[in-house]
Amino acid sequence: MSRNQDRIGALASESSVVPINSPIQPQSEISFGIPTEYVELPSRGKYYPNDHPLYGQEKIEIRFMTAAHENILTSNSYIEEGVALEKLLTALIVDSRIDSKSILSKDRDAIFLAARRTNIDHEYHRKIFCPACHKMVQSIYDLNQAFIEPEPEFSKLNIEITDKNTFIFKLPRSGLVVELRLLTGYDEDYIANTTKMRKKNNLPEAKVTIFLERIILSIDGKTDPNYINLCINERITSFDSKYIRNVYKLVSPSLNTTQKFVCSNCKYEQDMEVSFSVDFFWPEQWI
């Protein structure tokens, strides 16, 4: 166990065995058990609706990966549609009541990291383009060093948490009072699809405004989407926009995956985070 895991607990605990109860179950009279593990959720179950299966749950149970799960990750049709990771997440979750897309973004990342670390290797080999010497170099990332950061003291940050698990705060420049929420898998899909659609139609990128429109629930108590969009585009200054995004990072349950990249060619150093994609499950040395 790493020093960070000593401080806040491992992302995954000991394994157990449960009967298969998923779409990957063999259609035969022979029934096996697949080992499972419990993954600690960065949200600790605090930011889900009261009727969500993960509400108040600090951990989620997932299956170990099998050859059937590898089929999902290597399916060209799934990869082309951009649904391979979502299909994998659905197949890994033991509780059939849980909609994988309804899981908060950082909780999803914790599941992917635990699945990769347990089933493949805690060392993640990847090729990185060095911004200093412009060479493609090999880097090894130790997944055991990832850890869940402690929750900030919201009262000291002048951030109010509502009974709906949303966050209210005042913008420093415009004085507008903003209410925001945390993103789920559904929101990630919306942002990705909207960005893709704009590119397809030769429209300028609008990553910042799309993100703000998705996380902001109300401004000065007004929930009308047209009013919110108008404020984002005409009343919220660039300074306040950055402030909102910084607040979102502060209030989001955080899985810290930052590690120092050191270029083997020029010794340039830079902090980098893990990017979760299909490639994350296929180490460079396997190809």
C-alpha atoms as a PDB file:
ATOM      1  CA  MET A   1       0.000   0.000   0.000  1.00  0.00           C
ATOM      2  CA  SER A   2       1.356   3.438  -0.931  1.00  0.00           C
ATOM      3  CA  ARG A   3       1.829   6.269   1.533  1.00  0.00           C
ATOM      4  CA  ASN A   4      -1.176   8.075   0.098  1.00  0.00           C
ATOM      5  CA  GLN A   5      -3.354   4.998   0.476  1.00  0.00           C
ATOM      6  CA  ASP A   6      -2.144   4.665   4.068  1.00  0.00           C
ATOM      7  CA  ARG A   7      -3.578   8.127   4.686  1.00  0.00           C
ATOM      8  CA  ILE A   8      -7.040   7.731   3.224  1.00  0.00           C
ATOM      9  CA  GLY A   9      -7.521   4.048   2.472  1.00  0.00           C
ATOM     10  CA  ALA A  10      -7.063   1.954  -0.647  1.00  0.00           C
ATOM     11  CA  LEU A  11      -9.354   2.372  -3.626  1.00  0.00           C
ATOM     12  CA  ALA A  12     -10.089  -1.331  -3.614  1.00  0.00           C
ATOM     13  CA  SER A  13     -10.365  -3.779  -0.727  1.00  0.00           C
ATOM     14  CA  GLU A  14     -10.168  -7.544  -0.478  1.00  0.00           C
ATOM     15  CA  SER A  15     -11.922  -9.737  -3.021  1.00  0.00           C
ATOM     16  CA  SER A  16     -15.038 -11.838  -2.632  1.00  0.00           C
ATOM     17  CA  VAL A  17     -16.857 -14.243  -4.917  1.00  0.00           C
ATOM     18  CA  VAL A  18     -20.391 -13.670  -6.151  1.00  0.00           C
ATOM     19  CA  PRO A  19     -22.523 -15.486  -8.735  1.00  0.00           C
ATOM     20  CA  ILE A  20     -22.418 -14.063 -12.229  1.00  0.00           C
ATOM     21  CA  ASN A  21     -25.404 -11.835 -12.895  1.00  0.00           C
ATOM     22  CA  SER A  22     -24.614  -9.820 -15.988  1.00  0.00           C
ATOM     23  CA  PRO A  23     -24.915  -9.839 -19.797  1.00  0.00           C
ATOM     24  CA  ILE A  24     -21.603 -11.718 -20.007  1.00  0.00           C
ATOM     25  CA  GLN A  25     -22.932 -14.806 -18.187  1.00  0.00           C
ATOM     26  CA  PRO A  26     -22.409 -18.034 -20.160  1.00  0.00           C
ATOM     27  CA  GLN A  27     -25.619 -19.471 -21.502  1.00  0.00           C
ATOM     28  CA  SER A  28     -25.184 -22.986 -20.149  1.00  0.00           C
ATOM     29  CA  GLU A  29     -26.048 -25.117 -17.139  1.00  0.00           C
ATOM     30  CA  ILE A  30     -22.525 -24.608 -15.794  1.00  0.00           C
ATOM     31  CA  SER A  31     -22.304 -21.589 -13.492  1.00  0.00           C
ATOM     32  CA  PHE A  32     -19.070 -20.150 -12.146  1.00  0.00           C
ATOM     33  CA  GLY A  33     -18.362 -17.340  -9.744  1.00  0.00           C
ATOM     34  CA  ILE A  34     -16.323 -14.299 -10.759  1.00  0.00           C
ATOM     35  CA  PRO A  35     -14.178 -12.655  -8.057  1.00  0.00           C
ATOM     36  CA  THR A  36     -15.171  -9.103  -7.166  1.00  0.00           C
ATOM     37  CA  GLU A  37     -13.605  -6.147  -5.395  1.00  0.00           C
ATOM     38  CA  TYR A  38     -14.920  -3.101  -3.583  1.00  0.00           C
ATOM     39  CA  VAL A  39     -13.781   0.262  -4.951  1.00  0.00           C
ATOM     40  CA  GLU A  40     -13.774   3.310  -2.715  1.00  0.00           C
ATOM     41  CA  LEU A  41     -15.765   6.167  -4.255  1.00  0.00           C
ATOM     42  CA  PRO A  42     -14.248   9.668  -4.182  1.00  0.00           C
ATOM     43  CA  SER A  43     -17.766  11.039  -3.565  1.00  0.00           C
ATOM     44  CA  ARG A  44     -18.279   8.662  -0.624  1.00  0.00           C
ATOM     45  CA  GLY A  45     -21.875   8.495  -1.818  1.00  0.00           C
ATOM     46  CA  LYS A  46     -22.597  12.037  -0.603  1.00  0.00           C
ATOM     47  CA  TYR A  47     -23.607  13.761  -3.838  1.00  0.00           C
ATOM     48  CA  TYR A  48     -26.233  11.400  -5.241  1.00  0.00           C
ATOM     49  CA  PRO A  49     -30.029  11.817  -5.078  1.00  0.00           C
ATOM     50  CA  ASN A  50     -31.672  10.098  -2.114  1.00  0.00           C
ATOM     51  CA  ASP A  51     -33.206   7.439  -4.372  1.00  0.00           C
ATOM     52  CA  HIS A  52     -29.928   6.567  -6.137  1.00  0.00           C
ATOM     53  CA  PRO A  53     -28.430   3.127  -5.258  1.00  0.00           C
ATOM     54  CA  LEU A  54     -25.086   4.805  -4.476  1.00  0.00           C
ATOM     55  CA  TYR A  55     -26.561   7.384  -2.105  1.00  0.00           C
ATOM     56  CA  GLY A  56     -24.642   7.116   1.178  1.00  0.00           C
ATOM     57  CA  GLN A  57     -22.467   4.286  -0.166  1.00  0.00           C
ATOM     58  CA  GLU A  58     -18.725   4.753   0.253  1.00  0.00           C
ATOM     59  CA  LYS A  59     -17.818   1.817  -2.010  1.00  0.00           C
ATOM     60  CA  ILE A  60     -19.088   0.051  -5.112  1.00  0.00           C
ATOM     61  CA  GLU A  61     -18.645  -3.642  -5.918  1.00  0.00           C
ATOM     62  CA  ILE A  62     -17.240  -4.510  -9.347  1.00  0.00           C
ATOM     63  CA  ARG A  63     -16.321  -7.767 -11.081  1.00  0.00           C
ATOM     64  CA  PHE A  64     -12.822  -8.770 -12.071  1.00  0.00           C
ATOM     65  CA  MET A  65     -12.289  -8.502 -15.819  1.00  0.00           C
ATOM     66  CA  THR A  66     -12.539 -11.626 -17.976  1.00  0.00           C
ATOM     67  CA  ALA A  67     -11.964 -12.415 -21.645  1.00  0.00           C
ATOM     68  CA  ALA A  68     -15.553 -11.310 -22.287  1.00  0.00           C
ATOM     69  CA  HIS A  69     -14.686  -7.862 -20.951  1.00  0.00           C
ATOM     70  CA  GLU A  70     -11.656  -7.774 -23.250  1.00  0.00           C
ATOM     71  CA  ASN A  71     -14.057  -8.387 -26.139  1.00  0.00           C
ATOM     72  CA  ILE A  72     -15.799  -5.144 -25.226  1.00  0.00           C
ATOM     73  CA  LEU A  73     -12.571  -3.157 -25.211  1.00  0.00           C
ATOM     74  CA  THR A  74     -11.435  -4.565 -28.567  1.00  0.00           C
ATOM     75  CA  SER A  75     -14.784  -4.254 -30.372  1.00  0.00           C
ATOM     76  CA  ASN A  76     -14.201  -1.977 -33.360  1.00  0.00           C
ATOM     77  CA  SER A  77     -17.864  -1.010 -33.499  1.00  0.00           C
ATOM     78  CA  TYR A  78     -17.887  -0.005 -29.815  1.00  0.00           C
ATOM     79  CA  ILE A  79     -14.641   1.938 -30.236  1.00  0.00           C
ATOM     80  CA  GLU A  80     -15.907   3.747 -33.339  1.00  0.00           C
ATOM     81  CA  GLU A  81     -19.159   4.646 -31.576  1.00  0.00           C
ATOM     82  CA  GLY A  82     -17.218   5.775 -28.509  1.00  0.00           C
ATOM     83  CA  VAL A  83     -19.156   3.463 -26.181  1.00  0.00           C
ATOM     84  CA  ALA A  84     -16.515   0.850 -25.293  1.00  0.00           C
ATOM     85  CA  LEU A  85     -15.739   2.271 -21.842  1.00  0.00           C
ATOM     86  CA  GLU A  86     -19.435   2.704 -21.036  1.00  0.00           C
ATOM     87  CA  LYS A  87     -20.153  -0.903 -22.025  1.00  0.00           C
ATOM     88  CA  LEU A  88     -17.233  -2.054 -19.887  1.00  0.00           C
ATOM     89  CA  LEU A  89     -18.415  -0.045 -16.891  1.00  0.00           C
ATOM     90  CA  THR A  90     -21.914  -1.520 -17.146  1.00  0.00           C
ATOM     91  CA  ALA A  91     -20.513  -5.050 -17.348  1.00  0.00           C
ATOM     92  CA  LEU A  92     -18.222  -4.551 -14.341  1.00  0.00           C
ATOM     93  CA  ILE A  93     -20.812  -3.196 -11.893  1.00  0.00           C
ATOM     94  CA  VAL A  94     -22.385  -5.959  -9.797  1.00  0.00           C
ATOM     95  CA  ASP A  95     -25.526  -4.060  -8.701  1.00  0.00           C
ATOM     96  CA  SER A  96     -27.886  -4.140 -11.696  1.00  0.00           C
ATOM     97  CA  ARG A  97     -29.864  -1.204 -10.274  1.00  0.00           C
ATOM     98  CA  ILE A  98     -26.993   1.178 -10.978  1.00  0.00           C
ATOM     99  CA  ASP A  99     -27.102   3.056 -14.279  1.00  0.00           C
ATOM    100  CA  SER A 100     -23.437   3.503 -15.202  1.00  0.00           C
ATOM    101  CA  LYS A 101     -24.106   6.878 -16.845  1.00  0.00           C
ATOM    102  CA  SER A 102     -25.665   8.215 -13.646  1.00  0.00           C
ATOM    103  CA  ILE A 103     -22.384   7.738 -11.740  1.00  0.00           C
ATOM    104  CA  LEU A 104     -20.433  10.907 -10.938  1.00  0.00           C
ATOM    105  CA  SER A 105     -17.399  11.541 -13.133  1.00  0.00           C
ATOM    106  CA  LYS A 106     -14.689  11.048 -10.498  1.00  0.00           C
ATOM    107  CA  ASP A 107     -16.393   7.906  -9.171  1.00  0.00           C
ATOM    108  CA  ARG A 108     -16.312   6.519 -12.710  1.00  0.00           C
ATOM    109  CA  ASP A 109     -12.590   7.299 -12.929  1.00  0.00           C
ATOM    110  CA  ALA A 110     -11.972   5.456  -9.651  1.00  0.00           C
ATOM    111  CA  ILE A 111     -13.692   2.347 -11.038  1.00  0.00           C
ATOM    112  CA  PHE A 112     -11.670   2.424 -14.248  1.00  0.00           C
ATOM    113  CA  LEU A 113      -8.424   2.896 -12.331  1.00  0.00           C
ATOM    114  CA  ALA A 114      -9.168   0.032  -9.926  1.00  0.00           C
ATOM    115  CA  ALA A 115     -10.180  -2.293 -12.783  1.00  0.00           C
ATOM    116  CA  ARG A 116      -6.996  -1.505 -14.718  1.00  0.00           C
ATOM    117  CA  ARG A 117      -4.748  -1.849 -11.678  1.00  0.00           C
ATOM    118  CA  THR A 118      -6.289  -5.100 -10.435  1.00  0.00           C
ATOM    119  CA  ASN A 119      -6.736  -6.908 -13.724  1.00  0.00           C
ATOM    120  CA  ILE A 120      -3.744  -5.790 -15.762  1.00  0.00           C
ATOM    121  CA  ASP A 121      -0.941  -4.056 -13.840  1.00  0.00           C
ATOM    122  CA  HIS A 122      -0.373  -1.142 -11.495  1.00  0.00           C
ATOM    123  CA  GLU A 123       2.308   0.115 -13.906  1.00  0.00           C
ATOM    124  CA  TYR A 124       0.825   2.050 -16.803  1.00  0.00           C
ATOM    125  CA  HIS A 125       3.263   2.335 -19.717  1.00  0.00           C
ATOM    126  CA  ARG A 126       2.511   5.129 -22.133  1.00  0.00           C
ATOM    127  CA  LYS A 127       4.200   7.188 -24.807  1.00  0.00           C
ATOM    128  CA  ILE A 128       4.311  10.934 -24.170  1.00  0.00           C
ATOM    129  CA  PHE A 129       5.232  13.773 -26.514  1.00  0.00           C
ATOM    130  CA  CYS A 130       7.710  15.964 -24.657  1.00  0.00           C
ATOM    131  CA  PRO A 131       6.775  19.654 -25.081  1.00  0.00           C
ATOM    132  CA  ALA A 132      10.390  20.689 -24.538  1.00  0.00           C
ATOM    133  CA  CYS A 133      12.468  18.512 -26.882  1.00  0.00           C
ATOM    134  CA  HIS A 134       9.548  17.397 -29.116  1.00  0.00           C
ATOM    135  CA  LYS A 135      10.472  13.739 -28.823  1.00  0.00           C
ATOM    136  CA  MET A 136       8.098  10.838 -28.177  1.00  0.00           C
ATOM    137  CA  VAL A 137       9.365   9.112 -25.057  1.00  0.00           C
ATOM    138  CA  GLN A 138       8.299   6.175 -22.896  1.00  0.00           C
ATOM    139  CA  SER A 139       6.929   6.890 -19.431  1.00  0.00           C
ATOM    140  CA  ILE A 140       5.822   4.571 -16.636  1.00  0.00           C
ATOM    141  CA  TYR A 141       2.975   5.661 -14.380  1.00  0.00           C
ATOM    142  CA  ASP A 142       2.443   3.939 -11.012  1.00  0.00           C
ATOM    143  CA  LEU A 143      -1.320   3.615 -10.457  1.00  0.00           C
ATOM    144  CA  ASN A 144      -0.729   2.688  -6.811  1.00  0.00           C
ATOM    145  CA  GLN A 145       0.174   6.314  -6.155  1.00  0.00           C
ATOM    146  CA  ALA A 146      -3.327   7.574  -7.022  1.00  0.00           C
ATOM    147  CA  PHE A 147      -5.340   8.634  -3.988  1.00  0.00           C
ATOM    148  CA  ILE A 148      -8.618  10.223  -2.956  1.00  0.00           C
ATOM    149  CA  GLU A 149      -8.150  13.738  -1.642  1.00  0.00           C
ATOM    150  CA  PRO A 150      -9.922  14.868   1.546  1.00  0.00           C
ATOM    151  CA  GLU A 151     -13.025  17.014   1.203  1.00  0.00           C
ATOM    152  CA  PRO A 152     -12.420  20.776   1.563  1.00  0.00           C
ATOM    153  CA  GLU A 153     -14.026  22.854   4.313  1.00  0.00           C
ATOM    154  CA  PHE A 154     -16.759  24.537   2.295  1.00  0.00           C
ATOM    155  CA  SER A 155     -17.687  27.049   5.005  1.00  0.00           C
ATOM    156  CA  LYS A 156     -14.194  28.554   4.847  1.00  0.00           C
ATOM    157  CA  LEU A 157     -14.554  28.889   1.065  1.00  0.00           C
ATOM    158  CA  ASN A 158     -17.904  30.714   1.330  1.00  0.00           C
ATOM    159  CA  ILE A 159     -19.603  27.884  -0.525  1.00  0.00           C
ATOM    160  CA  GLU A 160     -23.021  26.660   0.596  1.00  0.00           C
ATOM    161  CA  ILE A 161     -24.078  23.041   0.082  1.00  0.00           C
ATOM    162  CA  THR A 162     -27.830  22.695  -0.439  1.00  0.00           C
ATOM    163  CA  ASP A 163     -30.048  19.759   0.542  1.00  0.00           C
ATOM    164  CA  LYS A 164     -30.032  18.857  -3.185  1.00  0.00           C
ATOM    165  CA  ASN A 165     -26.245  18.401  -3.044  1.00  0.00           C
ATOM    166  CA  THR A 166     -25.669  21.477  -5.198  1.00  0.00           C
ATOM    167  CA  PHE A 167     -23.244  24.318  -4.450  1.00  0.00           C
ATOM    168  CA  ILE A 168     -24.056  28.033  -4.163  1.00  0.00           C
ATOM    169  CA  PHE A 169     -21.501  30.868  -4.130  1.00  0.00           C
ATOM    170  CA  LYS A 170     -21.092  34.496  -5.175  1.00  0.00           C
ATOM    171  CA  LEU A 171     -18.943  35.584  -8.099  1.00  0.00           C
ATOM    172  CA  PRO A 172     -16.223  38.102  -7.153  1.00  0.00           C
ATOM    173  CA  ARG A 173     -16.555  40.473 -10.134  1.00  0.00           C
ATOM    174  CA  SER A 174     -20.179  40.441 -11.289  1.00  0.00           C
ATOM    175  CA  GLY A 175     -21.679  39.698  -7.883  1.00  0.00           C
ATOM    176  CA  LEU A 176     -23.982  37.082  -9.415  1.00  0.00           C
ATOM    177  CA  VAL A 177     -24.972  34.167  -7.164  1.00  0.00           C
ATOM    178  CA  VAL A 178     -24.346  30.879  -8.965  1.00  0.00           C
ATOM    179  CA  GLU A 179     -25.645  27.405  -8.168  1.00  0.00           C
ATOM    180  CA  LEU A 180     -23.807  24.494  -9.756  1.00  0.00           C
ATOM    181  CA  ARG A 181     -23.936  20.708  -9.710  1.00  0.00           C
ATOM    182  CA  LEU A 182     -21.518  17.855 -10.338  1.00  0.00           C
ATOM    183  CA  LEU A 183     -21.326  16.126 -13.701  1.00  0.00           C
ATOM    184  CA  THR A 184     -22.283  12.509 -14.399  1.00  0.00           C
ATOM    185  CA  GLY A 185     -21.631  10.146 -17.294  1.00  0.00           C
ATOM    186  CA  TYR A 186     -24.703  11.556 -19.034  1.00  0.00           C
ATOM    187  CA  ASP A 187     -23.161  15.019 -18.906  1.00  0.00           C
ATOM    188  CA  GLU A 188     -19.832  13.741 -20.231  1.00  0.00           C
ATOM    189  CA  ASP A 189     -21.710  12.214 -23.191  1.00  0.00           C
ATOM    190  CA  TYR A 190     -23.596  15.454 -23.834  1.00  0.00           C
ATOM    191  CA  ILE A 191     -20.435  17.567 -23.802  1.00  0.00           C
ATOM    192  CA  ALA A 192     -18.560  15.113 -26.064  1.00  0.00           C
ATOM    193  CA  ASN A 193     -21.450  14.788 -28.527  1.00  0.00           C
ATOM    194  CA  THR A 194     -22.086  18.535 -28.646  1.00  0.00           C
ATOM    195  CA  THR A 195     -18.401  19.219 -29.267  1.00  0.00           C
ATOM    196  CA  LYS A 196     -18.343  16.589 -32.020  1.00  0.00           C
ATOM    197  CA  MET A 197     -21.474  18.033 -33.627  1.00  0.00           C
ATOM    198  CA  ARG A 198     -20.046  21.558 -33.665  1.00  0.00           C
ATOM    199  CA  LYS A 199     -16.848  20.304 -35.283  1.00  0.00           C
ATOM    200  CA  LYS A 200     -18.832  18.338 -37.892  1.00  0.00           C
ATOM    201  CA  ASN A 201     -20.773  21.474 -38.809  1.00  0.00           C
ATOM    202  CA  ASN A 202     -17.615  23.618 -38.946  1.00  0.00           C
ATOM    203  CA  LEU A 203     -18.707  25.654 -35.928  1.00  0.00           C
ATOM    204  CA  PRO A 204     -16.128  27.191 -33.573  1.00  0.00           C
ATOM    205  CA  GLU A 205     -15.279  25.252 -30.431  1.00  0.00           C
ATOM    206  CA  ALA A 206     -17.214  26.330 -27.354  1.00  0.00           C
ATOM    207  CA  LYS A 207     -15.790  24.073 -24.649  1.00  0.00           C
ATOM    208  CA  VAL A 208     -15.975  26.646 -21.856  1.00  0.00           C
ATOM    209  CA  THR A 209     -19.556  27.781 -22.479  1.00  0.00           C
ATOM    210  CA  ILE A 210     -20.816  24.223 -23.044  1.00  0.00           C
ATOM    211  CA  PHE A 211     -19.251  23.178 -19.734  1.00  0.00           C
ATOM    212  CA  LEU A 212     -20.711  26.167 -17.867  1.00  0.00           C
ATOM    213  CA  GLU A 213     -24.160  25.629 -19.355  1.00  0.00           C
ATOM    214  CA  ARG A 214     -24.061  22.024 -18.144  1.00  0.00           C
ATOM    215  CA  ILE A 215     -22.942  22.622 -14.557  1.00  0.00           C
ATOM    216  CA  ILE A 216     -24.869  25.827 -13.730  1.00  0.00           C
ATOM    217  CA  LEU A 217     -28.377  25.199 -12.391  1.00  0.00           C
ATOM    218  CA  SER A 218     -29.338  28.753 -11.482  1.00  0.00           C
ATOM    219  CA  ILE A 219     -28.067  32.329 -11.414  1.00  0.00           C
ATOM    220  CA  ASP A 220     -29.492  34.684  -8.796  1.00  0.00           C
ATOM    221  CA  GLY A 221     -32.128  32.033  -8.142  1.00  0.00           C
ATOM    222  CA  LYS A 222     -33.337  31.990 -11.757  1.00  0.00           C
ATOM    223  CA  THR A 223     -33.348  28.556 -13.416  1.00  0.00           C
ATOM    224  CA  ASP A 224     -34.480  29.540 -16.941  1.00  0.00           C
ATOM    225  CA  PRO A 225     -31.864  28.069 -19.347  1.00  0.00           C
ATOM    226  CA  ASN A 226     -32.203  31.084 -21.669  1.00  0.00           C
ATOM    227  CA  TYR A 227     -31.399  33.453 -18.817  1.00  0.00           C
ATOM    228  CA  ILE A 228     -28.449  31.305 -17.732  1.00  0.00           C
ATOM    229  CA  ASN A 229     -27.072  31.194 -21.298  1.00  0.00           C
ATOM    230  CA  LEU A 230     -27.465  34.967 -21.607  1.00  0.00           C
ATOM    231  CA  CYS A 231     -25.530  35.505 -18.377  1.00  0.00           C
ATOM    232  CA  ILE A 232     -22.784  33.106 -19.441  1.00  0.00           C
ATOM    233  CA  ASN A 233     -22.289  34.895 -22.752  1.00  0.00           C
ATOM    234  CA  GLU A 234     -22.891  38.511 -21.737  1.00  0.00           C
ATOM    235  CA  ARG A 235     -22.657  39.046 -17.969  1.00  0.00           C
ATOM    236  CA  ILE A 236     -20.095  36.604 -16.608  1.00  0.00           C
ATOM    237  CA  THR A 237     -16.617  38.002 -17.139  1.00  0.00           C
ATOM    238  CA  SER A 238     -13.620  35.874 -18.071  1.00  0.00           C
ATOM    239  CA  PHE A 239     -12.362  36.277 -14.498  1.00  0.00           C
ATOM    240  CA  ASP A 240     -15.670  35.007 -13.077  1.00  0.00           C
ATOM    241  CA  SER A 241     -15.763  32.178 -15.617  1.00  0.00           C
ATOM    242  CA  LYS A 242     -12.391  30.950 -14.425  1.00  0.00           C
ATOM    243  CA  TYR A 243     -13.557  31.385 -10.826  1.00  0.00           C
ATOM    244  CA  ILE A 244     -16.570  29.107 -11.483  1.00  0.00           C
ATOM    245  CA  ARG A 245     -14.345  26.434 -13.008  1.00  0.00           C
ATOM    246  CA  ASN A 246     -11.931  26.643 -10.065  1.00  0.00           C
ATOM    247  CA  VAL A 247     -14.834  26.286  -7.616  1.00  0.00           C
ATOM    248  CA  TYR A 248     -16.047  23.244  -9.547  1.00  0.00           C
ATOM    249  CA  LYS A 249     -12.625  21.631  -9.158  1.00  0.00           C
ATOM    250  CA  LEU A 250     -12.638  22.418  -5.435  1.00  0.00           C
ATOM    251  CA  VAL A 251     -16.073  20.956  -4.722  1.00  0.00           C
ATOM    252  CA  SER A 252     -15.712  17.905  -6.977  1.00  0.00           C
ATOM    253  CA  PRO A 253     -14.804  14.660  -5.200  1.00  0.00           C
ATOM    254  CA  SER A 254     -11.203  14.290  -6.257  1.00  0.00           C
ATOM    255  CA  LEU A 255      -9.231  11.261  -7.362  1.00  0.00           C
ATOM    256  CA  ASN A 256      -5.690  12.581  -7.558  1.00  0.00           C
ATOM    257  CA  THR A 257      -3.797  10.872 -10.382  1.00  0.00           C
ATOM    258  CA  THR A 258      -1.109  13.527 -10.785  1.00  0.00           C
ATOM    259  CA  GLN A 259       2.469  12.314 -11.110  1.00  0.00           C
ATOM    260  CA  LYS A 260       5.658  13.915 -12.317  1.00  0.00           C
ATOM    261  CA  PHE A 261       6.686  13.197 -15.899  1.00  0.00           C
ATOM    262  CA  VAL A 262      10.440  13.365 -16.500  1.00  0.00           C
ATOM    263  CA  CYS A 263      11.553  13.238 -20.115  1.00  0.00           C
ATOM    264  CA  SER A 264      14.172  10.537 -20.598  1.00  0.00           C
ATOM    265  CA  ASN A 265      15.691  12.548 -23.440  1.00  0.00           C
ATOM    266  CA  CYS A 266      16.006  16.121 -22.110  1.00  0.00           C
ATOM    267  CA  LYS A 267      15.045  15.707 -18.415  1.00  0.00           C
ATOM    268  CA  TYR A 268      12.154  18.176 -18.744  1.00  0.00           C
ATOM    269  CA  GLU A 269       9.717  17.809 -15.829  1.00  0.00           C
ATOM    270  CA  GLN A 270       5.960  18.380 -15.738  1.00  0.00           C
ATOM    271  CA  ASP A 271       3.030  17.216 -13.596  1.00  0.00           C
ATOM    272  CA  MET A 272       0.594  15.079 -15.598  1.00  0.00           C
ATOM    273  CA  GLU A 273      -2.680  13.270 -14.891  1.00  0.00           C
ATOM    274  CA  VAL A 274      -3.965   9.945 -16.176  1.00  0.00           C
ATOM    275  CA  SER A 275      -6.297  10.145 -19.165  1.00  0.00           C
ATOM    276  CA  PHE A 276      -9.017   7.482 -19.106  1.00  0.00           C
ATOM    277  CA  SER A 277      -9.639   6.022 -22.556  1.00  0.00           C
ATOM    278  CA  VAL A 278      -9.700   2.588 -24.209  1.00  0.00           C
ATOM    279  CA  ASP A 279      -5.898   2.833 -24.565  1.00  0.00           C
ATOM    280  CA  PHE A 280      -5.640   3.047 -20.760  1.00  0.00           C
ATOM    281  CA  PHE A 281      -6.418  -0.698 -20.576  1.00  0.00           C
ATOM    282  CA  TRP A 282      -3.864  -1.751 -23.191  1.00  0.00           C
ATOM    283  CA  PRO A 283      -0.265  -1.165 -22.060  1.00  0.00           C
ATOM    284  CA  GLU A 284       2.234  -0.189 -24.742  1.00  0.00           C
ATOM    285  CA  GLN A 285       4.263  -3.367 -24.206  1.00  0.00           C
ATOM    286  CA  TRP A 286       1.224  -5.502 -25.111  1.00  0.00           C
ATOM    287  CA  ILE A 287       1.007  -4.041 -28.631  1.00  0.00           C
END
